[in-house]
Protein backbone atom coordinates (compact mmCIF):
# COMPACT_ATOMS: atom_id res chain seq x y z
CA MET A 1 3.20 -13.50 11.91
CA ASN A 2 4.21 -10.24 10.51
CA THR A 3 3.36 -8.22 13.71
CA PHE A 4 5.76 -7.97 16.57
CA GLY A 5 4.97 -6.78 20.15
CA ARG A 6 2.09 -6.41 22.61
CA SER A 7 1.70 -2.87 23.62
CA PHE A 8 4.14 -1.34 21.02
CA ARG A 9 3.01 -3.25 18.02
CA CYS A 10 4.86 -3.27 14.67
CA THR A 11 3.49 -4.79 11.38
CA THR A 12 6.00 -4.80 8.69
CA PHE A 13 5.28 -5.21 4.99
CA GLY A 14 7.23 -5.41 1.60
CA GLU A 15 9.60 -7.61 -0.44
CA SER A 16 13.14 -7.34 -1.58
CA HIS A 17 12.34 -6.38 -5.20
CA GLY A 18 8.68 -5.09 -4.67
CA LYS A 19 7.74 -1.38 -4.87
CA ALA A 20 8.39 -0.51 -1.26
CA LEU A 21 8.96 -1.71 2.29
CA GLY A 22 7.29 -0.37 5.39
CA VAL A 23 5.98 -0.60 8.85
CA VAL A 24 2.84 0.37 10.79
CA ILE A 25 3.43 0.96 14.54
CA ASP A 26 0.47 0.83 16.81
CA GLY A 27 0.78 1.86 20.53
CA CYS A 28 3.36 4.52 20.38
CA PRO A 29 2.84 7.24 23.11
CA ALA A 30 1.58 10.49 22.10
CA GLY A 31 3.53 13.74 22.44
CA ILE A 32 7.07 12.48 21.50
CA GLU A 33 9.09 14.57 19.11
CA LEU A 34 9.55 12.49 15.84
CA SER A 35 10.64 13.25 12.41
CA GLU A 36 12.46 11.34 9.50
CA ALA A 37 15.70 12.86 10.91
CA ASP A 38 15.32 10.55 13.94
CA ILE A 39 14.98 7.48 11.88
CA GLN A 40 17.27 8.09 8.85
CA PRO A 41 20.74 7.64 10.62
CA MET A 42 19.86 3.95 11.52
CA LEU A 43 18.63 3.25 8.04
CA ASP A 44 21.87 4.72 6.72
CA ARG A 45 23.94 2.25 8.86
CA ARG A 46 21.93 -0.71 7.48
CA ARG A 47 21.58 0.27 3.76
CA PRO A 48 23.63 -1.34 1.02
CA GLY A 49 26.11 0.16 -1.20
CA THR A 50 28.03 2.17 1.40
CA SER A 51 31.38 0.38 0.73
CA ASP A 52 33.18 -2.17 -1.40
CA LEU A 53 32.52 -4.67 1.32
CA THR A 54 28.76 -4.52 1.00
CA SER A 55 26.25 -5.32 -1.62
CA PRO A 56 26.61 -2.89 -4.55
CA ARG A 57 22.86 -2.35 -4.76
CA LYS A 58 22.31 1.45 -4.52
CA GLU A 59 19.40 2.07 -2.33
CA PRO A 60 18.94 5.47 -0.59
CA ASP A 61 16.52 3.97 1.84
CA ARG A 62 14.92 7.43 2.31
CA VAL A 63 12.06 7.00 5.03
CA ASP A 64 8.77 8.84 4.73
CA ILE A 65 6.47 9.10 7.77
CA VAL A 66 2.97 9.06 6.28
CA SER A 67 0.92 9.09 9.38
CA GLY A 68 0.82 9.34 13.19
CA THR A 69 2.48 12.60 13.64
CA PHE A 70 1.29 16.26 13.78
CA GLU A 71 3.49 19.39 14.02
CA GLY A 72 6.52 17.15 14.69
CA ARG A 73 5.04 15.14 17.53
CA THR A 74 3.39 11.64 17.78
CA THR A 75 -0.48 11.72 18.07
CA GLY A 76 -0.92 8.24 19.69
CA CYS A 77 -2.43 7.08 16.31
CA PRO A 78 -0.89 4.42 14.21
CA ILE A 79 2.52 5.60 12.72
CA ALA A 80 3.10 4.44 9.12
CA MET A 81 6.57 4.67 7.53
CA LEU A 82 7.40 3.95 3.95
CA VAL A 83 10.74 3.05 2.29
CA ARG A 84 10.68 2.79 -1.55
CA ASN A 85 12.94 0.39 -3.49
CA ARG A 86 14.87 2.52 -6.06
CA ASP A 87 17.42 0.02 -7.38
CA SER A 88 15.61 -3.37 -7.59
CA ARG A 89 16.49 -5.70 -10.34
CA PRO A 90 13.98 -8.62 -10.42
CA VAL A 91 15.38 -9.61 -13.89
CA ASP A 92 18.64 -10.87 -12.18
CA TYR A 93 16.72 -13.77 -10.68
CA GLU A 94 14.62 -14.84 -13.56
CA GLN A 95 17.29 -17.45 -14.69
CA ILE A 96 17.19 -19.23 -11.34
CA ALA A 97 13.42 -18.79 -10.66
CA GLY A 98 12.87 -22.45 -10.85
CA VAL A 99 15.85 -23.46 -8.71
CA PHE A 100 16.04 -23.62 -4.87
CA ARG A 101 19.10 -21.69 -3.63
CA PRO A 102 21.08 -23.39 -0.94
CA GLY A 103 20.99 -21.70 2.40
CA HIS A 104 17.93 -19.69 1.46
CA ALA A 105 14.28 -20.07 2.34
CA ASP A 106 13.21 -20.88 -1.24
CA PHE A 107 12.51 -24.61 -0.67
CA CYS A 108 10.64 -24.02 2.68
CA TYR A 109 8.41 -21.20 1.22
CA GLN A 110 7.50 -23.37 -1.63
CA LYS A 111 6.60 -26.31 0.53
CA LYS A 112 4.48 -24.18 2.86
CA TYR A 113 2.72 -21.89 0.58
CA GLY A 114 2.97 -23.58 -2.88
CA ILE A 115 4.10 -20.24 -4.26
CA ARG A 116 7.13 -17.92 -3.59
CA ASP A 117 8.56 -14.64 -4.61
CA PHE A 118 11.94 -15.66 -6.36
CA ARG A 119 12.96 -12.02 -6.76
CA GLY A 120 15.78 -12.12 -4.13
CA GLY A 121 13.71 -14.21 -1.82
CA GLY A 122 10.90 -11.66 -1.59
CA ARG A 123 9.80 -11.46 2.05
CA SER A 124 12.42 -13.81 3.32
CA SER A 125 15.16 -11.42 2.17
CA GLY A 126 17.47 -9.53 4.45
CA ARG A 127 15.96 -6.39 2.91
CA GLU A 128 12.90 -7.00 4.99
CA THR A 129 14.87 -5.72 7.93
CA VAL A 130 14.51 -2.07 6.60
CA ALA A 131 11.13 -1.95 8.24
CA ARG A 132 12.37 -3.35 11.60
CA VAL A 133 15.13 -0.72 11.67
CA ALA A 134 12.73 2.09 11.02
CA ALA A 135 10.44 0.97 13.87
CA GLY A 136 13.46 0.37 16.09
CA ALA A 137 14.56 3.83 15.54
CA VAL A 138 11.10 5.16 16.88
CA ALA A 139 11.50 2.79 19.86
CA MET A 140 14.96 4.05 20.60
CA LYS A 141 13.61 7.65 20.57
CA CYS A 142 11.13 6.62 23.19
CA LEU A 143 13.65 4.76 25.22
CA SER A 144 15.92 7.73 25.33
CA LEU A 145 13.34 9.61 27.24
CA ARG A 146 13.96 7.12 30.01
CA GLY A 147 17.74 7.44 29.66
CA ILE A 148 17.98 4.01 28.17
CA SER A 149 20.65 3.64 25.22
CA ILE A 150 21.24 0.71 22.97
CA THR A 151 24.62 0.09 21.16
CA GLY A 152 25.89 -2.77 19.23
CA LYS A 153 29.40 -3.91 18.05
CA ILE A 154 31.18 -6.58 16.05
CA LEU A 155 33.04 -9.10 18.17
CA GLU A 156 34.43 -11.40 15.47
CA ILE A 157 34.15 -12.24 11.84
CA HIS A 158 35.15 -15.68 10.73
CA GLY A 159 36.84 -16.29 14.08
CA LYS A 160 39.01 -13.08 13.79
CA THR A 161 38.59 -10.45 16.51
CA ILE A 162 40.98 -7.69 15.44
CA PRO A 163 39.44 -5.24 12.99
CA CYS A 164 41.98 -5.38 10.32
CA ASP A 165 41.88 -9.02 10.29
CA MET A 166 37.99 -8.98 10.14
CA GLU A 167 38.20 -6.89 6.98
CA GLU A 168 40.89 -9.17 5.55
CA GLU A 169 38.58 -12.25 6.12
CA ILE A 170 35.70 -10.55 4.34
CA ARG A 171 37.87 -9.57 1.38
CA LYS A 172 39.40 -13.03 0.97
CA ALA A 173 35.87 -14.53 0.89
CA GLN A 174 34.81 -11.86 -1.48
CA SER A 175 37.64 -12.58 -3.82
CA GLY A 176 36.98 -16.23 -3.75
CA GLY A 177 33.22 -15.84 -4.55
CA ASP A 178 32.41 -17.01 -0.90
CA SER A 179 31.08 -15.43 2.32
CA VAL A 180 31.71 -15.40 6.01
CA GLY A 181 29.69 -14.86 9.19
CA GLY A 182 30.47 -13.56 12.71
CA ILE A 183 29.38 -12.54 16.10
CA VAL A 184 27.61 -9.32 17.26
CA GLU A 185 27.09 -8.03 20.77
CA ILE A 186 24.31 -5.64 21.62
CA SER A 187 23.86 -3.93 25.04
CA ALA A 188 21.36 -1.79 26.83
CA CYS A 189 22.49 0.67 29.39
CA ASN A 190 20.31 2.20 32.11
CA CYS A 191 17.58 -0.33 31.81
CA PRO A 192 15.50 -0.24 35.02
CA PRO A 193 14.95 -3.40 37.06
CA GLY A 194 11.66 -5.03 36.84
CA LEU A 195 11.12 -5.49 33.12
CA GLY A 196 9.78 -8.82 31.97
CA ASP A 197 7.21 -11.38 33.36
CA PRO A 198 7.74 -14.72 34.99
CA VAL A 199 7.74 -17.99 33.11
CA PHE A 200 6.59 -17.64 29.46
CA GLY A 201 7.02 -13.89 29.45
CA LYS A 202 10.63 -13.88 30.55
CA LEU A 203 12.61 -10.79 29.26
CA ASP A 204 15.50 -13.00 27.99
CA ALA A 205 12.91 -15.36 26.31
CA LEU A 206 11.51 -12.36 24.36
CA ILE A 207 14.79 -11.04 23.46
CA ALA A 208 15.90 -14.48 22.16
CA HIS A 209 12.64 -14.60 20.12
CA ALA A 210 13.39 -11.21 18.75
CA MET A 211 16.96 -11.88 17.65
CA MET A 212 16.21 -15.32 16.21
CA SER A 213 13.45 -13.72 14.09
CA ILE A 214 16.27 -12.04 12.20
CA GLY A 215 16.89 -14.34 9.21
CA ALA A 216 20.55 -14.75 9.47
CA VAL A 217 20.81 -15.32 13.21
CA LYS A 218 21.58 -18.86 14.17
CA GLY A 219 22.37 -18.46 17.82
CA VAL A 220 21.65 -16.22 20.85
CA GLU A 221 23.40 -15.92 24.29
CA ILE A 222 22.76 -13.52 27.11
CA GLY A 223 25.40 -12.65 29.69
CA ALA A 224 27.95 -15.36 30.08
CA GLY A 225 25.88 -17.44 27.67
CA PHE A 226 27.29 -20.75 26.71
CA ALA A 227 30.38 -20.01 28.73
CA ALA A 228 28.13 -20.51 31.94
CA ALA A 229 28.15 -24.18 31.25
CA ARG A 230 31.89 -24.28 31.93
CA LEU A 231 31.64 -22.31 35.15
CA LYS A 232 30.91 -23.25 38.85
CA GLY A 233 27.95 -21.60 40.67
CA SER A 234 30.59 -19.75 42.70
CA GLU A 235 32.06 -18.33 39.58
CA HIS A 236 28.88 -17.60 37.75
CA ASN A 237 26.55 -16.23 40.34
CA ASP A 238 26.49 -12.39 40.49
CA GLN A 239 27.04 -11.51 44.08
CA MET A 240 25.76 -8.25 45.59
CA LYS A 241 27.18 -5.53 47.95
CA GLN A 242 25.12 -2.63 49.18
CA GLY A 243 22.40 -3.09 46.38
CA ALA A 244 24.91 -3.41 43.59
CA PHE A 245 25.84 -6.60 41.60
CA LEU A 246 29.71 -7.34 41.53
CA SER A 247 29.59 -9.01 38.20
CA ASN A 248 27.19 -9.35 35.32
CA ASN A 249 27.08 -13.10 34.17
CA ALA A 250 23.39 -12.99 34.14
CA GLY A 251 23.46 -10.27 31.40
CA GLY A 252 21.18 -8.09 33.30
CA ILE A 253 18.31 -10.63 33.62
CA LEU A 254 17.48 -12.85 36.48
CA GLY A 255 14.35 -14.99 36.69
CA GLY A 256 13.40 -13.48 33.29
CA ILE A 257 13.22 -9.98 34.85
CA SER A 258 15.83 -7.14 34.40
CA ASN A 259 17.91 -6.52 37.53
CA GLY A 260 19.32 -3.04 36.54
CA ASN A 261 22.54 -4.15 35.18
CA ASP A 262 23.42 -3.66 31.49
CA ILE A 263 21.58 -6.16 29.31
CA ILE A 264 24.17 -7.94 27.25
CA VAL A 265 23.18 -10.05 24.22
CA ARG A 266 25.24 -11.77 21.59
CA ILE A 267 24.11 -13.20 18.31
CA ALA A 268 25.88 -15.68 15.87
CA VAL A 269 25.30 -14.54 12.34
CA LYS A 270 25.75 -17.12 9.55
CA PRO A 271 27.54 -16.41 6.20
CA THR A 272 25.54 -14.88 3.47
CA PRO A 273 24.00 -17.78 1.53
CA SER A 274 24.33 -16.17 -1.78
CA ILE A 275 27.74 -17.21 -3.20
CA ALA A 276 29.31 -17.56 -6.59
CA ILE A 277 30.89 -20.89 -5.83
CA PRO A 278 28.99 -23.71 -7.61
CA GLN A 279 26.73 -25.68 -5.30
CA LYS A 280 24.47 -28.72 -5.72
CA THR A 281 20.74 -28.20 -5.34
CA ILE A 282 17.41 -29.24 -6.99
CA ASP A 283 14.90 -27.38 -9.11
CA VAL A 284 11.15 -27.31 -8.52
CA SER A 285 10.64 -30.53 -10.42
CA GLY A 286 12.99 -32.27 -8.05
CA GLN A 287 15.84 -32.63 -10.69
CA GLU A 288 19.45 -32.23 -9.38
CA VAL A 289 21.06 -29.12 -10.73
CA GLU A 290 24.19 -27.10 -10.05
CA ILE A 291 23.86 -23.39 -9.17
CA SER A 292 26.19 -20.51 -8.98
CA ILE A 293 24.58 -17.24 -7.71
CA GLU A 294 25.50 -14.03 -9.39
CA GLY A 295 24.36 -10.61 -8.72
CA ARG A 296 24.64 -8.12 -5.87
CA HIS A 297 25.43 -9.74 -2.59
CA ASP A 298 27.28 -9.01 0.68
CA PRO A 299 30.27 -11.26 1.20
CA CYS A 300 29.53 -10.59 5.01
CA ILE A 301 26.30 -9.26 6.39
CA VAL A 302 27.53 -8.88 9.88
CA PRO A 303 28.32 -5.09 9.70
CA ARG A 304 24.84 -4.27 8.40
CA ILE A 305 22.98 -6.60 10.83
CA VAL A 306 24.18 -4.43 13.86
CA PRO A 307 21.53 -1.75 13.59
CA VAL A 308 18.99 -4.58 12.95
CA ALA A 309 19.83 -6.30 16.15
CA GLU A 310 19.80 -2.92 17.99
CA ALA A 311 16.28 -2.33 16.68
CA MET A 312 14.96 -5.56 17.79
CA LEU A 313 16.33 -5.11 21.36
CA ALA A 314 14.75 -1.60 21.37
CA LEU A 315 11.41 -3.00 20.44
CA VAL A 316 11.49 -5.67 23.09
CA LEU A 317 12.47 -3.15 25.80
CA LEU A 318 9.96 -0.47 24.93
CA ASP A 319 7.22 -3.09 24.61
CA CYS A 320 8.08 -4.22 28.23
CA LEU A 321 8.04 -0.73 29.53
CA LEU A 322 4.74 0.01 28.04
CA GLU A 323 3.34 -3.26 29.38
CA ASP A 324 4.05 -1.72 32.95
CA ALA A 325 1.33 0.82 33.53
CA LYS A 326 3.75 3.02 35.52
CA TYR A 327 5.65 3.71 32.36
CA HIS A 328 2.67 4.40 29.97
CA ASN A 329 3.25 8.17 30.01
CA ILE A 330 7.03 8.04 29.08
CA SER A 331 6.80 11.27 27.04
CA GLY A 332 6.06 13.24 30.10
CA SER A 333 2.90 14.78 28.37
CA GLU A 334 -0.49 14.86 30.01
C-alpha cells in the first residue's frame, strides 16, 4: 500500500536513512507548467534543521524532477521526483537495533514482516512524508488552475492556543527530554460542489483516510467534528438562503459530496515518540529493558506536519476532480 489515489496516483519510496526518497506520479494532466521551483517551497516548510525547535538533522531536501516534463510542462507521462538524503546517520541507531522503541512502529513491523529497518524506523519514519509533500505540491499547482487553494495552520500545542505559549510548551518539553503534540487545521477554499461519491467513496471518508495515513495523526474531524455531538439539529444544520449556506458546520461536505463551502479539516497530532526520558520496553528476545532515545529528534512535530496535511488534502481533491470527466482537461490545453 505505497500507492495513493485513483486517477492521480502517487507511489512513494525511500527510507529515513536510505540513499533517497521519492515519488512517481501517474495521471497528472499534460500541459501544466511545472519545475522544481513549484515544489521546493513546500519541502522547505517541512524539512528539518530550520530552527532550534526542530530536529537538528541538516537536510537540504532539494527536489529533482527526473521525468514527466518537457520544456517546463508536464507531458502526461509519469512524473518521477527524487530527494536525496544528505545527513543520514544510521550509526546512531545501532545501539538500539535490537530494542523496540515505545510509541514507534518497531514492534509491529517486526511482527508483520519478520524484519525491519532499525535506522530511524526506515519506512515508518516521519521522513517518508518528504515524498508526499513533493506530490502534494504538484497537486496544488493543478488545483490552482481551478482557483482552489489549500492552507493549514496550528490551532494548539499541548492545549495552548496562543503562539507564544505554544512555543513555551515546546521549549519546556525539549529541555526536559520530552515532547508534545497538538492540533492542526487545514482548509480548502473555492472547491466546487459535487466532488466525492456516495456510500464508500465519500469525500470526507477519503480525506479521513488520507489524514490518518500520516504516521503521527491519531484523530480527524471535519467541520464541527466532535462538537457536533453536543449540538442540537437546529444548531448544527447549515441552513440556506438564496443558494448560500448560512453556516459551515458540515465542513463543506454533505452526504460525502462537497457543497461549495470551504472544506475544513482538523487533525490531532501525537507527541514525538522519540524522547530522552527513560521508558520501559522489551528487546527482540522478549526481555524487559529500559531505553532512553538519544539523537536528533523534534520536541514537537506539529509545525512540520502542516505542509504534509496540506499535501494530503490536495492529493484527495485533485484525484476527485480528475475522477469527474468534465474536469479532465484542467490545464486548458487541447
